[in-house]
Amino acid sequence: MKTTAISDRKLRRAAAEVETQIRELFGRCPELTGFAIKDLALMASEDIAAPDGEPKLFVTDIGFSGLIGEQDLEEAYTQIGTAISDVVSERPEAFELLRGRTFARTLH
């Protein structure tokens, strides 16, 4: 039971960190409307499988509120990748919280 409490606490902390990173990401990229994260190992295409066998996350389905240039797309992709990488490196349990998720900007 004690191990479960520790695991639950770690997952809650990881979830809070994911939420913070995603909120900050949308703040830095006002034109970004959403994106999805998939586990590279679960994707059907063999040509994009992780060469080292390590689990990897793949950013896909990036959406924007208007037309953007190639440079803006690359910057958004880099920003998303950095945010995801940062949270997973700080909290490895966040990997399970991120894979298969879609994130969308909240409009008020």
N, C-alpha and C. Protein backbone atom coordinates (compact mmCIF):
# COMPACT_ATOMS: atom_id res chain seq x y z
N MET A 1 0.82 -1.19 0.00
CA MET A 1 0.00 0.00 0.00
C MET A 1 0.87 1.26 0.00
N LYS A 2 1.97 1.23 0.71
CA LYS A 2 2.86 2.38 0.78
C LYS A 2 3.45 2.66 -0.60
N THR A 3 3.82 1.62 -1.34
CA THR A 3 4.35 1.79 -2.69
C THR A 3 3.31 2.42 -3.61
N THR A 4 2.06 2.02 -3.47
CA THR A 4 0.99 2.59 -4.28
C THR A 4 0.82 4.07 -3.98
N ALA A 5 0.91 4.44 -2.71
CA ALA A 5 0.78 5.86 -2.32
C ALA A 5 1.91 6.67 -2.94
N ILE A 6 3.12 6.13 -2.93
CA ILE A 6 4.26 6.82 -3.54
C ILE A 6 4.04 6.94 -5.04
N SER A 7 3.60 5.89 -5.69
CA SER A 7 3.35 5.91 -7.13
C SER A 7 2.26 6.91 -7.48
N ASP A 8 1.18 6.92 -6.70
CA ASP A 8 0.09 7.87 -6.93
C ASP A 8 0.60 9.30 -6.77
N ARG A 9 1.40 9.54 -5.77
CA ARG A 9 1.96 10.87 -5.53
C ARG A 9 2.85 11.28 -6.71
N LYS A 10 3.67 10.36 -7.19
CA LYS A 10 4.54 10.65 -8.33
C LYS A 10 3.72 10.97 -9.57
N LEU A 11 2.65 10.20 -9.80
CA LEU A 11 1.80 10.45 -10.96
C LEU A 11 1.09 11.80 -10.85
N ARG A 12 0.64 12.15 -9.67
CA ARG A 12 -0.01 13.46 -9.49
C ARG A 12 0.97 14.59 -9.75
N ARG A 13 2.18 14.45 -9.27
CA ARG A 13 3.21 15.47 -9.51
C ARG A 13 3.54 15.55 -11.00
N ALA A 14 3.65 14.40 -11.64
CA ALA A 14 3.93 14.38 -13.07
C ALA A 14 2.78 15.04 -13.85
N ALA A 15 1.55 14.74 -13.47
CA ALA A 15 0.39 15.33 -14.14
C ALA A 15 0.38 16.85 -13.97
N ALA A 16 0.73 17.32 -12.79
CA ALA A 16 0.79 18.77 -12.54
C ALA A 16 1.88 19.40 -13.39
N GLU A 17 3.00 18.73 -13.51
CA GLU A 17 4.11 19.25 -14.33
C GLU A 17 3.72 19.27 -15.81
N VAL A 18 3.05 18.23 -16.27
CA VAL A 18 2.57 18.20 -17.66
C VAL A 18 1.63 19.38 -17.90
N GLU A 19 0.69 19.58 -16.99
CA GLU A 19 -0.26 20.69 -17.13
C GLU A 19 0.46 22.03 -17.20
N THR A 20 1.43 22.24 -16.34
CA THR A 20 2.19 23.49 -16.32
C THR A 20 2.94 23.68 -17.63
N GLN A 21 3.64 22.65 -18.08
CA GLN A 21 4.42 22.75 -19.32
C GLN A 21 3.52 23.05 -20.52
N ILE A 22 2.37 22.40 -20.60
CA ILE A 22 1.47 22.60 -21.73
C ILE A 22 0.86 24.01 -21.68
N ARG A 23 0.46 24.46 -20.51
CA ARG A 23 -0.09 25.81 -20.36
C ARG A 23 0.95 26.85 -20.80
N GLU A 24 2.19 26.69 -20.36
CA GLU A 24 3.26 27.61 -20.74
C GLU A 24 3.54 27.54 -22.24
N LEU A 25 3.48 26.36 -22.80
CA LEU A 25 3.68 26.18 -24.23
C LEU A 25 2.65 26.97 -25.03
N PHE A 26 1.37 26.83 -24.68
CA PHE A 26 0.33 27.57 -25.38
C PHE A 26 0.51 29.08 -25.18
N GLY A 27 1.05 29.49 -24.05
CA GLY A 27 1.34 30.90 -23.81
C GLY A 27 2.44 31.43 -24.71
N ARG A 28 3.45 30.60 -24.96
CA ARG A 28 4.57 31.00 -25.82
C ARG A 28 4.21 30.95 -27.30
N CYS A 29 3.24 30.14 -27.65
CA CYS A 29 2.86 29.95 -29.05
C CYS A 29 1.38 30.31 -29.23
N PRO A 30 1.05 31.60 -29.32
CA PRO A 30 -0.35 32.00 -29.36
C PRO A 30 -1.12 31.48 -30.57
N GLU A 31 -0.44 31.18 -31.66
CA GLU A 31 -1.11 30.67 -32.86
C GLU A 31 -1.38 29.17 -32.80
N LEU A 32 -0.76 28.47 -31.85
CA LEU A 32 -0.93 27.03 -31.70
C LEU A 32 -2.31 26.73 -31.11
N THR A 33 -3.07 25.86 -31.78
CA THR A 33 -4.40 25.50 -31.26
C THR A 33 -4.43 24.10 -30.67
N GLY A 34 -3.50 23.23 -31.07
CA GLY A 34 -3.48 21.90 -30.51
C GLY A 34 -2.48 20.99 -31.18
N PHE A 35 -2.30 19.82 -30.57
CA PHE A 35 -1.39 18.81 -31.11
C PHE A 35 -1.65 17.49 -30.41
N ALA A 36 -1.16 16.43 -31.00
CA ALA A 36 -1.29 15.09 -30.42
C ALA A 36 0.09 14.51 -30.19
N ILE A 37 0.17 13.60 -29.24
CA ILE A 37 1.43 12.92 -28.95
C ILE A 37 1.17 11.43 -29.03
N LYS A 38 2.00 10.75 -29.80
CA LYS A 38 1.85 9.31 -29.96
C LYS A 38 3.14 8.62 -29.56
N ASP A 39 3.00 7.37 -29.19
CA ASP A 39 4.15 6.53 -28.87
C ASP A 39 4.69 5.99 -30.18
N LEU A 40 5.93 6.31 -30.48
CA LEU A 40 6.54 5.89 -31.74
C LEU A 40 6.49 4.38 -31.92
N ALA A 41 6.62 3.63 -30.83
CA ALA A 41 6.62 2.17 -30.90
C ALA A 41 5.26 1.62 -31.33
N LEU A 42 4.19 2.38 -31.12
CA LEU A 42 2.86 1.91 -31.47
C LEU A 42 2.41 2.34 -32.86
N MET A 43 3.22 3.14 -33.51
CA MET A 43 2.86 3.60 -34.85
C MET A 43 3.12 2.49 -35.85
N ALA A 44 2.27 2.38 -36.84
CA ALA A 44 2.31 1.27 -37.79
C ALA A 44 3.50 1.31 -38.74
N SER A 45 3.98 2.47 -39.05
CA SER A 45 5.03 2.59 -40.06
C SER A 45 6.39 2.16 -39.50
N GLU A 46 6.99 1.18 -40.11
CA GLU A 46 8.28 0.68 -39.65
C GLU A 46 9.41 1.66 -39.93
N ASP A 47 9.24 2.55 -40.91
CA ASP A 47 10.31 3.46 -41.28
C ASP A 47 10.52 4.58 -40.26
N ILE A 48 9.62 4.73 -39.29
CA ILE A 48 9.84 5.74 -38.26
C ILE A 48 10.04 5.12 -36.88
N ALA A 49 10.27 3.84 -36.82
CA ALA A 49 10.49 3.18 -35.53
C ALA A 49 11.78 3.71 -34.91
N ALA A 50 11.81 3.81 -33.60
CA ALA A 50 12.99 4.28 -32.89
C ALA A 50 14.15 3.31 -33.13
N PRO A 51 15.25 3.79 -33.68
CA PRO A 51 16.36 2.90 -34.02
C PRO A 51 17.02 2.24 -32.82
N ASP A 52 17.02 2.90 -31.68
CA ASP A 52 17.69 2.34 -30.51
C ASP A 52 16.77 1.51 -29.63
N GLY A 53 15.51 1.37 -30.01
CA GLY A 53 14.58 0.56 -29.25
C GLY A 53 14.01 1.24 -28.01
N GLU A 54 14.51 2.44 -27.70
CA GLU A 54 14.02 3.18 -26.54
C GLU A 54 12.63 3.74 -26.84
N PRO A 55 11.76 3.81 -25.84
CA PRO A 55 10.45 4.40 -26.08
C PRO A 55 10.59 5.88 -26.43
N LYS A 56 9.86 6.30 -27.43
CA LYS A 56 9.93 7.68 -27.89
C LYS A 56 8.53 8.20 -28.13
N LEU A 57 8.35 9.49 -27.91
CA LEU A 57 7.08 10.13 -28.20
C LEU A 57 7.23 10.91 -29.50
N PHE A 58 6.15 10.98 -30.24
CA PHE A 58 6.13 11.60 -31.55
C PHE A 58 5.01 12.63 -31.57
N VAL A 59 5.33 13.87 -31.94
CA VAL A 59 4.35 14.94 -32.01
C VAL A 59 3.70 14.91 -33.39
N THR A 60 2.37 14.94 -33.41
CA THR A 60 1.64 14.86 -34.67
C THR A 60 0.40 15.75 -34.60
N ASP A 61 -0.23 15.94 -35.72
CA ASP A 61 -1.50 16.68 -35.81
C ASP A 61 -1.42 18.06 -35.17
N ILE A 62 -0.39 18.81 -35.51
CA ILE A 62 -0.24 20.16 -34.98
C ILE A 62 -1.23 21.07 -35.70
N GLY A 63 -2.00 21.84 -34.93
CA GLY A 63 -2.98 22.76 -35.51
C GLY A 63 -2.69 24.20 -35.13
N PHE A 64 -3.04 25.11 -36.04
CA PHE A 64 -2.81 26.54 -35.84
C PHE A 64 -4.08 27.31 -36.15
N SER A 65 -4.19 28.50 -35.58
CA SER A 65 -5.38 29.32 -35.75
C SER A 65 -5.43 30.03 -37.09
N GLY A 66 -4.38 30.02 -37.84
CA GLY A 66 -4.34 30.66 -39.15
C GLY A 66 -3.19 30.11 -39.96
N LEU A 67 -2.96 30.70 -41.09
CA LEU A 67 -1.84 30.28 -41.92
C LEU A 67 -0.54 30.70 -41.27
N ILE A 68 0.43 29.80 -41.30
CA ILE A 68 1.75 30.12 -40.74
C ILE A 68 2.81 29.69 -41.74
N GLY A 69 3.98 30.25 -41.58
CA GLY A 69 5.10 29.92 -42.45
C GLY A 69 5.85 28.69 -41.96
N GLU A 70 6.72 28.21 -42.80
CA GLU A 70 7.53 27.02 -42.47
C GLU A 70 8.37 27.26 -41.22
N GLN A 71 8.91 28.46 -41.08
CA GLN A 71 9.74 28.78 -39.91
C GLN A 71 8.90 28.73 -38.63
N ASP A 72 7.67 29.26 -38.69
CA ASP A 72 6.79 29.22 -37.52
C ASP A 72 6.41 27.78 -37.16
N LEU A 73 6.19 26.95 -38.17
CA LEU A 73 5.88 25.53 -37.93
C LEU A 73 7.06 24.85 -37.24
N GLU A 74 8.26 25.08 -37.74
CA GLU A 74 9.44 24.48 -37.13
C GLU A 74 9.64 24.97 -35.70
N GLU A 75 9.39 26.24 -35.46
CA GLU A 75 9.53 26.80 -34.11
C GLU A 75 8.51 26.17 -33.16
N ALA A 76 7.27 26.03 -33.61
CA ALA A 76 6.24 25.40 -32.77
C ALA A 76 6.60 23.95 -32.48
N TYR A 77 7.04 23.23 -33.50
CA TYR A 77 7.42 21.83 -33.32
C TYR A 77 8.57 21.72 -32.30
N THR A 78 9.54 22.63 -32.41
CA THR A 78 10.67 22.64 -31.47
C THR A 78 10.19 22.95 -30.06
N GLN A 79 9.30 23.93 -29.93
CA GLN A 79 8.77 24.30 -28.62
C GLN A 79 8.01 23.13 -27.98
N ILE A 80 7.20 22.45 -28.77
CA ILE A 80 6.45 21.30 -28.25
C ILE A 80 7.42 20.20 -27.83
N GLY A 81 8.37 19.88 -28.70
CA GLY A 81 9.35 18.84 -28.40
C GLY A 81 10.14 19.13 -27.15
N THR A 82 10.54 20.38 -26.98
CA THR A 82 11.30 20.78 -25.79
C THR A 82 10.45 20.64 -24.53
N ALA A 83 9.20 21.09 -24.59
CA ALA A 83 8.31 21.00 -23.42
C ALA A 83 8.10 19.54 -23.02
N ILE A 84 7.85 18.69 -24.01
CA ILE A 84 7.62 17.26 -23.74
C ILE A 84 8.89 16.61 -23.19
N SER A 85 10.00 16.90 -23.83
CA SER A 85 11.27 16.33 -23.40
C SER A 85 11.63 16.76 -21.98
N ASP A 86 11.41 18.04 -21.68
CA ASP A 86 11.72 18.55 -20.34
C ASP A 86 10.92 17.83 -19.26
N VAL A 87 9.62 17.69 -19.49
CA VAL A 87 8.78 17.08 -18.46
C VAL A 87 9.11 15.59 -18.30
N VAL A 88 9.40 14.89 -19.39
CA VAL A 88 9.73 13.46 -19.30
C VAL A 88 11.10 13.26 -18.66
N SER A 89 12.05 14.16 -18.94
CA SER A 89 13.37 14.00 -18.32
C SER A 89 13.32 14.28 -16.82
N GLU A 90 12.47 15.24 -16.41
CA GLU A 90 12.32 15.55 -14.99
C GLU A 90 11.47 14.50 -14.26
N ARG A 91 10.46 14.01 -14.94
CA ARG A 91 9.52 13.05 -14.35
C ARG A 91 9.24 11.94 -15.36
N PRO A 92 10.05 10.87 -15.37
CA PRO A 92 9.89 9.79 -16.35
C PRO A 92 8.49 9.18 -16.37
N GLU A 93 7.80 9.21 -15.24
CA GLU A 93 6.45 8.66 -15.20
C GLU A 93 5.49 9.46 -16.07
N ALA A 94 5.87 10.66 -16.48
CA ALA A 94 5.03 11.48 -17.36
C ALA A 94 4.89 10.87 -18.75
N PHE A 95 5.80 10.00 -19.13
CA PHE A 95 5.73 9.35 -20.45
C PHE A 95 4.36 8.70 -20.63
N GLU A 96 3.93 7.95 -19.64
CA GLU A 96 2.64 7.26 -19.73
C GLU A 96 1.47 8.24 -19.75
N LEU A 97 1.64 9.39 -19.11
CA LEU A 97 0.58 10.40 -19.10
C LEU A 97 0.47 11.13 -20.43
N LEU A 98 1.55 11.17 -21.19
CA LEU A 98 1.59 11.93 -22.44
C LEU A 98 1.20 11.10 -23.67
N ARG A 99 1.61 9.84 -23.69
CA ARG A 99 1.41 9.06 -24.90
C ARG A 99 -0.07 8.85 -25.19
N GLY A 100 -0.41 9.10 -26.45
CA GLY A 100 -1.79 8.94 -26.88
C GLY A 100 -2.68 10.13 -26.55
N ARG A 101 -2.12 11.20 -26.01
CA ARG A 101 -2.92 12.36 -25.61
C ARG A 101 -3.00 13.40 -26.72
N THR A 102 -4.08 14.12 -26.74
CA THR A 102 -4.26 15.27 -27.60
C THR A 102 -4.44 16.47 -26.69
N PHE A 103 -3.73 17.54 -27.00
CA PHE A 103 -3.83 18.78 -26.22
C PHE A 103 -4.40 19.87 -27.11
N ALA A 104 -5.35 20.61 -26.58
CA ALA A 104 -5.97 21.71 -27.33
C ALA A 104 -6.02 22.96 -26.47
N ARG A 105 -5.85 24.08 -27.13
CA ARG A 105 -5.95 25.36 -26.44
C ARG A 105 -7.35 25.52 -25.88
N THR A 106 -7.43 26.01 -24.66
CA THR A 106 -8.72 26.29 -24.03
C THR A 106 -9.10 27.73 -24.34
N LEU A 107 -10.28 27.91 -24.90
CA LEU A 107 -10.75 29.26 -25.21
C LEU A 107 -11.78 29.67 -24.19
N HIS A 108 -11.69 30.90 -23.75
CA HIS A 108 -12.65 31.42 -22.76
C HIS A 108 -13.36 32.60 -23.34
